[in-house]
PDB file of all heavy atoms in Angstrom:
ATOM      1  N   LEU A   1     -43.838 263.299  35.891  1.00  0.00           N
ATOM      2  CA  LEU A   1     -42.379 263.279  35.739  1.00  0.00           C
ATOM      3  C   LEU A   1     -41.940 261.829  35.641  1.00  0.00           C
ATOM      4  O   LEU A   1     -42.272 261.021  36.510  1.00  0.00           O
ATOM      5  CB  LEU A   1     -41.713 263.891  36.978  1.00  0.00           C
ATOM      6  CG  LEU A   1     -41.367 265.370  37.053  1.00  0.00           C
ATOM      7  CD1 LEU A   1     -40.403 265.603  38.208  1.00  0.00           C
ATOM      8  CD2 LEU A   1     -40.748 265.906  35.781  1.00  0.00           C
ATOM      9  N   THR A   2     -41.184 261.505  34.610  1.00  0.00           N
ATOM     10  CA  THR A   2     -40.743 260.114  34.459  1.00  0.00           C
ATOM     11  C   THR A   2     -39.838 259.695  35.617  1.00  0.00           C
ATOM     12  O   THR A   2     -39.797 258.535  36.003  1.00  0.00           O
ATOM     13  CB  THR A   2     -39.981 259.921  33.133  1.00  0.00           C
ATOM     14  OG1 THR A   2     -39.052 261.001  32.995  1.00  0.00           O
ATOM     15  CG2 THR A   2     -40.926 259.921  31.957  1.00  0.00           C
ATOM     16  N   SER A   3     -39.149 260.674  36.220  1.00  0.00           N
ATOM     17  CA  SER A   3     -38.261 260.348  37.343  1.00  0.00           C
ATOM     18  C   SER A   3     -39.028 260.088  38.647  1.00  0.00           C
ATOM     19  O   SER A   3     -38.464 259.669  39.637  1.00  0.00           O
ATOM     20  CB  SER A   3     -37.268 261.490  37.565  1.00  0.00           C
ATOM     21  OG  SER A   3     -37.977 262.690  37.834  1.00  0.00           O
ATOM     22  N   MET A   4     -40.350 260.360  38.617  1.00  0.00           N
ATOM     23  CA  MET A   4     -41.147 260.182  39.842  1.00  0.00           C
ATOM     24  C   MET A   4     -42.431 259.413  39.514  1.00  0.00           C
ATOM     25  O   MET A   4     -43.538 259.957  39.590  1.00  0.00           O
ATOM     26  CB  MET A   4     -41.491 261.577  40.392  1.00  0.00           C
ATOM     27  CG  MET A   4     -41.657 261.626  41.884  1.00  0.00           C
ATOM     28  SD  MET A   4     -40.101 261.316  42.733  1.00  0.00           S
ATOM     29  CE  MET A   4     -40.714 261.046  44.374  1.00  0.00           C
ATOM     30  N   PRO A   5     -42.309 258.148  39.124  1.00  0.00           N
ATOM     31  CA  PRO A   5     -43.517 257.378  38.801  1.00  0.00           C
ATOM     32  C   PRO A   5     -44.316 257.066  40.072  1.00  0.00           C
ATOM     33  O   PRO A   5     -43.765 257.145  41.173  1.00  0.00           O
ATOM     34  CB  PRO A   5     -42.962 256.091  38.176  1.00  0.00           C
ATOM     35  CG  PRO A   5     -41.606 255.944  38.785  1.00  0.00           C
ATOM     36  CD  PRO A   5     -41.092 257.339  39.025  1.00  0.00           C
ATOM     37  N   PRO A   6     -45.593 256.712  39.930  1.00  0.00           N
ATOM     38  CA  PRO A   6     -46.386 256.353  41.113  1.00  0.00           C
ATOM     39  C   PRO A   6     -45.737 255.183  41.868  1.00  0.00           C
ATOM     40  O   PRO A   6     -45.156 254.289  41.259  1.00  0.00           O
ATOM     41  CB  PRO A   6     -47.739 255.931  40.524  1.00  0.00           C
ATOM     42  CG  PRO A   6     -47.811 256.632  39.212  1.00  0.00           C
ATOM     43  CD  PRO A   6     -46.400 256.711  38.710  1.00  0.00           C
ATOM     44  N   SER A   7     -45.831 255.239  43.202  1.00  0.00           N
ATOM     45  CA  SER A   7     -45.233 254.191  44.036  1.00  0.00           C
ATOM     46  C   SER A   7     -46.349 253.354  44.653  1.00  0.00           C
ATOM     47  O   SER A   7     -47.413 253.881  44.981  1.00  0.00           O
ATOM     48  CB  SER A   7     -44.399 254.857  45.129  1.00  0.00           C
ATOM     49  OG  SER A   7     -44.508 254.169  46.339  1.00  0.00           O
ATOM     50  N   PRO A   8     -46.117 252.047  44.853  1.00  0.00           N
ATOM     51  CA  PRO A   8     -47.164 251.193  45.443  1.00  0.00           C
ATOM     52  C   PRO A   8     -47.518 251.582  46.888  1.00  0.00           C
ATOM     53  O   PRO A   8     -48.578 251.235  47.384  1.00  0.00           O
ATOM     54  CB  PRO A   8     -46.565 249.784  45.390  1.00  0.00           C
ATOM     55  CG  PRO A   8     -45.125 249.941  45.053  1.00  0.00           C
ATOM     56  CD  PRO A   8     -44.929 251.293  44.434  1.00  0.00           C
ATOM     57  N   GLU A   9     -46.603 252.327  47.542  1.00  0.00           N
ATOM     58  CA  GLU A   9     -46.876 252.725  48.932  1.00  0.00           C
ATOM     59  C   GLU A   9     -47.867 253.879  49.033  1.00  0.00           C
ATOM     60  O   GLU A   9     -48.423 254.130  50.094  1.00  0.00           O
ATOM     61  CB  GLU A   9     -45.572 253.156  49.619  1.00  0.00           C
ATOM     62  CG  GLU A   9     -44.550 252.053  49.785  1.00  0.00           C
ATOM     63  CD  GLU A   9     -43.155 252.633  49.955  1.00  0.00           C
ATOM     64  OE1 GLU A   9     -43.000 253.537  50.796  1.00  0.00           O
ATOM     65  OE2 GLU A   9     -42.237 252.184  49.234  1.00  0.00           O
ATOM     66  N   TYR A  10     -48.020 254.588  47.930  1.00  0.00           N
ATOM     67  CA  TYR A  10     -48.877 255.786  47.957  1.00  0.00           C
ATOM     68  C   TYR A  10     -49.982 255.686  46.927  1.00  0.00           C
ATOM     69  O   TYR A  10     -49.874 254.977  45.933  1.00  0.00           O
ATOM     70  CB  TYR A  10     -48.050 257.044  47.627  1.00  0.00           C
ATOM     71  CG  TYR A  10     -47.091 257.427  48.715  1.00  0.00           C
ATOM     72  CD1 TYR A  10     -45.778 256.969  48.698  1.00  0.00           C
ATOM     73  CD2 TYR A  10     -47.483 258.262  49.760  1.00  0.00           C
ATOM     74  CE1 TYR A  10     -44.883 257.319  49.696  1.00  0.00           C
ATOM     75  CE2 TYR A  10     -46.597 258.617  50.766  1.00  0.00           C
ATOM     76  CZ  TYR A  10     -45.299 258.143  50.723  1.00  0.00           C
ATOM     77  OH  TYR A  10     -44.426 258.497  51.717  1.00  0.00           O
ATOM     78  N   CYS A  11     -51.040 256.436  47.194  1.00  0.00           N
ATOM     79  CA  CYS A  11     -52.116 256.572  46.213  1.00  0.00           C
ATOM     80  C   CYS A  11     -51.861 257.907  45.493  1.00  0.00           C
ATOM     81  O   CYS A  11     -52.000 258.969  46.097  1.00  0.00           O
ATOM     82  CB  CYS A  11     -53.447 256.579  46.966  1.00  0.00           C
ATOM     83  SG  CYS A  11     -54.848 256.810  45.901  1.00  0.00           S
ATOM     84  N   ARG A  12     -51.429 257.843  44.229  1.00  0.00           N
ATOM     85  CA  ARG A  12     -51.095 259.075  43.488  1.00  0.00           C
ATOM     86  C   ARG A  12     -52.377 259.845  43.174  1.00  0.00           C
ATOM     87  O   ARG A  12     -53.299 259.326  42.581  1.00  0.00           O
ATOM     88  CB  ARG A  12     -50.351 258.704  42.191  1.00  0.00           C
ATOM     89  CG  ARG A  12     -50.000 259.841  41.257  1.00  0.00           C
ATOM     90  CD  ARG A  12     -49.013 260.851  41.795  1.00  0.00           C
ATOM     91  NE  ARG A  12     -47.772 260.361  42.356  1.00  0.00           N
ATOM     92  CZ  ARG A  12     -46.627 260.185  41.674  1.00  0.00           C
ATOM     93  NH1 ARG A  12     -46.583 260.457  40.388  1.00  0.00           N
ATOM     94  NH2 ARG A  12     -45.536 259.748  42.283  1.00  0.00           N
ATOM     95  N   ASN A  13     -52.411 261.091  43.604  1.00  0.00           N
ATOM     96  CA  ASN A  13     -53.593 261.920  43.390  1.00  0.00           C
ATOM     97  C   ASN A  13     -53.250 263.078  42.472  1.00  0.00           C
ATOM     98  O   ASN A  13     -52.080 263.381  42.272  1.00  0.00           O
ATOM     99  CB  ASN A  13     -54.111 262.429  44.745  1.00  0.00           C
ATOM    100  CG  ASN A  13     -55.607 262.261  44.881  1.00  0.00           C
ATOM    101  OD1 ASN A  13     -56.350 262.567  43.965  1.00  0.00           O
ATOM    102  ND2 ASN A  13     -56.047 261.785  46.031  1.00  0.00           N
ATOM    103  N   GLU A  14     -54.281 263.734  41.954  1.00  0.00           N
ATOM    104  CA  GLU A  14     -54.034 264.824  41.003  1.00  0.00           C
ATOM    105  C   GLU A  14     -54.724 266.092  41.419  1.00  0.00           C
ATOM    106  O   GLU A  14     -55.845 266.074  41.926  1.00  0.00           O
ATOM    107  CB  GLU A  14     -54.521 264.411  39.609  1.00  0.00           C
ATOM    108  CG  GLU A  14     -53.615 263.399  38.979  1.00  0.00           C
ATOM    109  CD  GLU A  14     -53.701 263.411  37.460  1.00  0.00           C
ATOM    110  OE1 GLU A  14     -54.347 264.311  36.888  1.00  0.00           O
ATOM    111  OE2 GLU A  14     -53.119 262.502  36.845  1.00  0.00           O
ATOM    112  N   ILE A  15     -54.054 267.204  41.182  1.00  0.00           N
ATOM    113  CA  ILE A  15     -54.667 268.527  41.366  1.00  0.00           C
ATOM    114  C   ILE A  15     -54.865 269.078  39.964  1.00  0.00           C
ATOM    115  O   ILE A  15     -53.900 269.276  39.222  1.00  0.00           O
ATOM    116  CB  ILE A  15     -53.733 269.448  42.185  1.00  0.00           C
ATOM    117  CG1 ILE A  15     -53.596 268.912  43.612  1.00  0.00           C
ATOM    118  CG2 ILE A  15     -54.241 270.885  42.179  1.00  0.00           C
ATOM    119  CD1 ILE A  15     -52.554 269.604  44.462  1.00  0.00           C
ATOM    120  N   SER A  16     -56.128 269.287  39.586  1.00  0.00           N
ATOM    121  CA  SER A  16     -56.364 269.773  38.228  1.00  0.00           C
ATOM    122  C   SER A  16     -56.137 271.282  38.136  1.00  0.00           C
ATOM    123  O   SER A  16     -55.614 271.788  37.153  1.00  0.00           O
ATOM    124  CB  SER A  16     -57.768 269.405  37.751  1.00  0.00           C
ATOM    125  OG  SER A  16     -58.736 269.923  38.641  1.00  0.00           O
ATOM    126  N   CYS A  17     -56.526 271.995  39.201  1.00  0.00           N
ATOM    127  CA  CYS A  17     -56.324 273.442  39.196  1.00  0.00           C
ATOM    128  C   CYS A  17     -56.490 273.949  40.625  1.00  0.00           C
ATOM    129  O   CYS A  17     -57.509 273.695  41.260  1.00  0.00           O
ATOM    130  CB  CYS A  17     -57.350 274.113  38.274  1.00  0.00           C
ATOM    131  SG  CYS A  17     -57.287 275.909  38.331  1.00  0.00           S
ATOM    132  N   ALA A  18     -55.477 274.655  41.131  1.00  0.00           N
ATOM    133  CA  ALA A  18     -55.558 275.236  42.474  1.00  0.00           C
ATOM    134  C   ALA A  18     -54.581 276.398  42.539  1.00  0.00           C
ATOM    135  O   ALA A  18     -53.793 276.612  41.607  1.00  0.00           O
ATOM    136  CB  ALA A  18     -55.227 274.194  43.543  1.00  0.00           C
ATOM    137  N   GLY A  19     -54.643 277.135  43.644  1.00  0.00           N
ATOM    138  CA  GLY A  19     -53.666 278.210  43.807  1.00  0.00           C
ATOM    139  C   GLY A  19     -54.209 279.416  44.544  1.00  0.00           C
ATOM    140  O   GLY A  19     -55.315 279.388  45.091  1.00  0.00           O
ATOM    141  N   PHE A  20     -53.394 280.470  44.538  1.00  0.00           N
ATOM    142  CA  PHE A  20     -53.720 281.691  45.276  1.00  0.00           C
ATOM    143  C   PHE A  20     -53.726 282.907  44.353  1.00  0.00           C
ATOM    144  O   PHE A  20     -52.913 282.996  43.435  1.00  0.00           O
ATOM    145  CB  PHE A  20     -52.656 281.961  46.359  1.00  0.00           C
ATOM    146  CG  PHE A  20     -52.515 280.879  47.382  1.00  0.00           C
ATOM    147  CD1 PHE A  20     -51.584 279.867  47.220  1.00  0.00           C
ATOM    148  CD2 PHE A  20     -53.305 280.876  48.525  1.00  0.00           C
ATOM    149  CE1 PHE A  20     -51.435 278.858  48.173  1.00  0.00           C
ATOM    150  CE2 PHE A  20     -53.169 279.875  49.478  1.00  0.00           C
ATOM    151  CZ  PHE A  20     -52.236 278.868  49.306  1.00  0.00           C
ATOM    152  N   GLN A  21     -54.641 283.826  44.654  1.00  0.00           N
ATOM    153  CA  GLN A  21     -54.566 285.181  44.109  1.00  0.00           C
ATOM    154  C   GLN A  21     -54.449 286.110  45.318  1.00  0.00           C
ATOM    155  O   GLN A  21     -55.205 285.957  46.282  1.00  0.00           O
ATOM    156  CB  GLN A  21     -55.823 285.535  43.306  1.00  0.00           C
ATOM    157  CG  GLN A  21     -55.909 284.815  41.982  1.00  0.00           C
ATOM    158  CD  GLN A  21     -57.048 285.339  41.114  1.00  0.00           C
ATOM    159  OE1 GLN A  21     -58.011 285.930  41.601  1.00  0.00           O
ATOM    160  NE2 GLN A  21     -56.953 285.129  39.824  1.00  0.00           N
ATOM    161  N   ILE A  22     -53.513 287.038  45.257  1.00  0.00           N
ATOM    162  CA  ILE A  22     -53.273 287.927  46.401  1.00  0.00           C
ATOM    163  C   ILE A  22     -53.426 289.363  45.946  1.00  0.00           C
ATOM    164  O   ILE A  22     -52.697 289.837  45.060  1.00  0.00           O
ATOM    165  CB  ILE A  22     -51.850 287.684  46.970  1.00  0.00           C
ATOM    166  CG1 ILE A  22     -51.674 286.202  47.352  1.00  0.00           C
ATOM    167  CG2 ILE A  22     -51.594 288.592  48.173  1.00  0.00           C
ATOM    168  CD1 ILE A  22     -50.247 285.724  47.351  1.00  0.00           C
ATOM    169  N   TYR A  23     -54.404 290.044  46.536  1.00  0.00           N
ATOM    170  CA  TYR A  23     -54.702 291.436  46.174  1.00  0.00           C
ATOM    171  C   TYR A  23     -54.257 292.382  47.287  1.00  0.00           C
ATOM    172  O   TYR A  23     -54.509 292.114  48.462  1.00  0.00           O
ATOM    173  CB  TYR A  23     -56.216 291.629  45.981  1.00  0.00           C
ATOM    174  CG  TYR A  23     -56.786 290.976  44.756  1.00  0.00           C
ATOM    175  CD1 TYR A  23     -57.241 289.664  44.798  1.00  0.00           C
ATOM    176  CD2 TYR A  23     -56.881 291.669  43.554  1.00  0.00           C
ATOM    177  CE1 TYR A  23     -57.781 289.051  43.665  1.00  0.00           C
ATOM    178  CE2 TYR A  23     -57.415 291.069  42.417  1.00  0.00           C
ATOM    179  CZ  TYR A  23     -57.866 289.764  42.488  1.00  0.00           C
ATOM    180  OH  TYR A  23     -58.387 289.169  41.367  1.00  0.00           O
ATOM    181  N   SER A  24     -53.634 293.503  46.904  1.00  0.00           N
ATOM    182  CA  SER A  24     -53.291 294.533  47.893  1.00  0.00           C
ATOM    183  C   SER A  24     -54.564 295.231  48.337  1.00  0.00           C
ATOM    184  O   SER A  24     -55.360 295.657  47.509  1.00  0.00           O
ATOM    185  CB  SER A  24     -52.362 295.571  47.276  1.00  0.00           C
ATOM    186  OG  SER A  24     -51.143 294.982  46.948  1.00  0.00           O
ATOM    187  N   ASP A  25     -54.760 295.338  49.651  1.00  0.00           N
ATOM    188  CA  ASP A  25     -55.910 296.059  50.200  1.00  0.00           C
ATOM    189  C   ASP A  25     -55.513 297.470  50.584  1.00  0.00           C
ATOM    190  O   ASP A  25     -56.203 298.424  50.329  1.00  0.00           O
ATOM    191  CB  ASP A  25     -56.406 295.354  51.481  1.00  0.00           C
ATOM    192  CG  ASP A  25     -57.522 294.382  51.176  1.00  0.00           C
ATOM    193  OD1 ASP A  25     -57.917 294.321  50.012  1.00  0.00           O
ATOM    194  OD2 ASP A  25     -57.968 293.689  52.089  1.00  0.00           O
ATOM    195  N   SER A  26     -54.371 297.552  51.256  1.00  0.00           N
ATOM    196  CA  SER A  26     -53.889 298.843  51.743  1.00  0.00           C
ATOM    197  C   SER A  26     -52.398 298.692  51.956  1.00  0.00           C
ATOM    198  O   SER A  26     -51.803 297.702  51.549  1.00  0.00           O
ATOM    199  CB  SER A  26     -54.564 299.182  53.079  1.00  0.00           C
ATOM    200  OG  SER A  26     -54.127 298.257  54.066  1.00  0.00           O
ATOM    201  N   ASN A  27     -51.791 299.657  52.618  1.00  0.00           N
ATOM    202  CA  ASN A  27     -50.353 299.566  52.879  1.00  0.00           C
ATOM    203  C   ASN A  27     -50.008 298.487  53.899  1.00  0.00           C
ATOM    204  O   ASN A  27     -48.855 298.121  54.035  1.00  0.00           O
ATOM    205  CB  ASN A  27     -49.821 300.911  53.386  1.00  0.00           C
ATOM    206  CG  ASN A  27     -49.821 301.925  52.254  1.00  0.00           C
ATOM    207  OD1 ASN A  27     -49.764 301.544  51.105  1.00  0.00           O
ATOM    208  ND2 ASN A  27     -49.902 303.192  52.584  1.00  0.00           N
ATOM    209  N   SER A  28     -51.015 298.019  54.631  1.00  0.00           N
ATOM    210  CA  SER A  28     -50.682 297.071  55.706  1.00  0.00           C
ATOM    211  C   SER A  28     -51.453 295.760  55.638  1.00  0.00           C
ATOM    212  O   SER A  28     -51.286 294.904  56.492  1.00  0.00           O
ATOM    213  CB  SER A  28     -50.958 297.736  57.059  1.00  0.00           C
ATOM    214  OG  SER A  28     -52.314 298.110  57.120  1.00  0.00           O
ATOM    215  N   SER A  29     -52.320 295.585  54.633  1.00  0.00           N
ATOM    216  CA  SER A  29     -53.069 294.328  54.587  1.00  0.00           C
ATOM    217  C   SER A  29     -53.337 293.894  53.150  1.00  0.00           C
ATOM    218  O   SER A  29     -53.197 294.677  52.205  1.00  0.00           O
ATOM    219  CB  SER A  29     -54.398 294.457  55.350  1.00  0.00           C
ATOM    220  OG  SER A  29     -55.294 295.259  54.629  1.00  0.00           O
ATOM    221  N   CYS A  30     -53.729 292.637  53.013  1.00  0.00           N
ATOM    222  CA  CYS A  30     -54.042 292.113  51.678  1.00  0.00           C
ATOM    223  C   CYS A  30     -55.148 291.074  51.773  1.00  0.00           C
ATOM    224  O   CYS A  30     -55.479 290.592  52.854  1.00  0.00           O
ATOM    225  CB  CYS A  30     -52.792 291.527  51.024  1.00  0.00           C
ATOM    226  SG  CYS A  30     -52.099 290.107  51.870  1.00  0.00           S
ATOM    227  N   MET A  31     -55.725 290.764  50.633  1.00  0.00           N
ATOM    228  CA  MET A  31     -56.750 289.724  50.537  1.00  0.00           C
ATOM    229  C   MET A  31     -56.118 288.532  49.830  1.00  0.00           C
ATOM    230  O   MET A  31     -55.647 288.656  48.702  1.00  0.00           O
ATOM    231  CB  MET A  31     -57.944 290.247  49.728  1.00  0.00           C
ATOM    232  CG  MET A  31     -58.940 289.182  49.341  1.00  0.00           C
ATOM    233  SD  MET A  31     -59.955 288.667  50.710  1.00  0.00           S
ATOM    234  CE  MET A  31     -61.082 290.051  50.818  1.00  0.00           C
ATOM    235  N   VAL A  32     -56.093 287.394  50.515  1.00  0.00           N
ATOM    236  CA  VAL A  32     -55.564 286.161  49.921  1.00  0.00           C
ATOM    237  C   VAL A  32     -56.758 285.290  49.546  1.00  0.00           C
ATOM    238  O   VAL A  32     -57.580 284.957  50.400  1.00  0.00           O
ATOM    239  CB  VAL A  32     -54.652 285.410  50.922  1.00  0.00           C
ATOM    240  CG1 VAL A  32     -54.227 284.057  50.352  1.00  0.00           C
ATOM    241  CG2 VAL A  32     -53.420 286.250  51.271  1.00  0.00           C
ATOM    242  N   CYS A  33     -56.867 284.941  48.272  1.00  0.00           N
ATOM    243  CA  CYS A  33     -57.946 284.044  47.822  1.00  0.00           C
ATOM    244  C   CYS A  33     -57.326 282.717  47.404  1.00  0.00           C
ATOM    245  O   CYS A  33     -56.445 282.692  46.531  1.00  0.00           O
ATOM    246  CB  CYS A  33     -58.678 284.634  46.620  1.00  0.00           C
ATOM    247  SG  CYS A  33     -59.495 286.179  46.979  1.00  0.00           S
ATOM    248  N   TYR A  34     -57.782 281.645  48.037  1.00  0.00           N
ATOM    249  CA  TYR A  34     -57.305 280.306  47.673  1.00  0.00           C
ATOM    250  C   TYR A  34     -58.394 279.630  46.845  1.00  0.00           C
ATOM    251  O   TYR A  34     -59.577 279.664  47.209  1.00  0.00           O
ATOM    252  CB  TYR A  34     -57.023 279.476  48.928  1.00  0.00           C
ATOM    253  CG  TYR A  34     -56.745 278.017  48.616  1.00  0.00           C
ATOM    254  CD1 TYR A  34     -55.540 277.639  48.034  1.00  0.00           C
ATOM    255  CD2 TYR A  34     -57.693 277.023  48.858  1.00  0.00           C
ATOM    256  CE1 TYR A  34     -55.283 276.310  47.715  1.00  0.00           C
ATOM    257  CE2 TYR A  34     -57.446 275.696  48.548  1.00  0.00           C
ATOM    258  CZ  TYR A  34     -56.242 275.350  47.978  1.00  0.00           C
ATOM    259  OH  TYR A  34     -56.001 274.033  47.653  1.00  0.00           O
TER     260      TYR A  34
END
């Protein structure tokens, strides 16, 4: 984002791909995959 350039106070890092998949197991539980 041009409005948020890297700052000298921080080390700008990158996430290439991450996230969650959430599957229904039953009426009361689920499987969360990170």
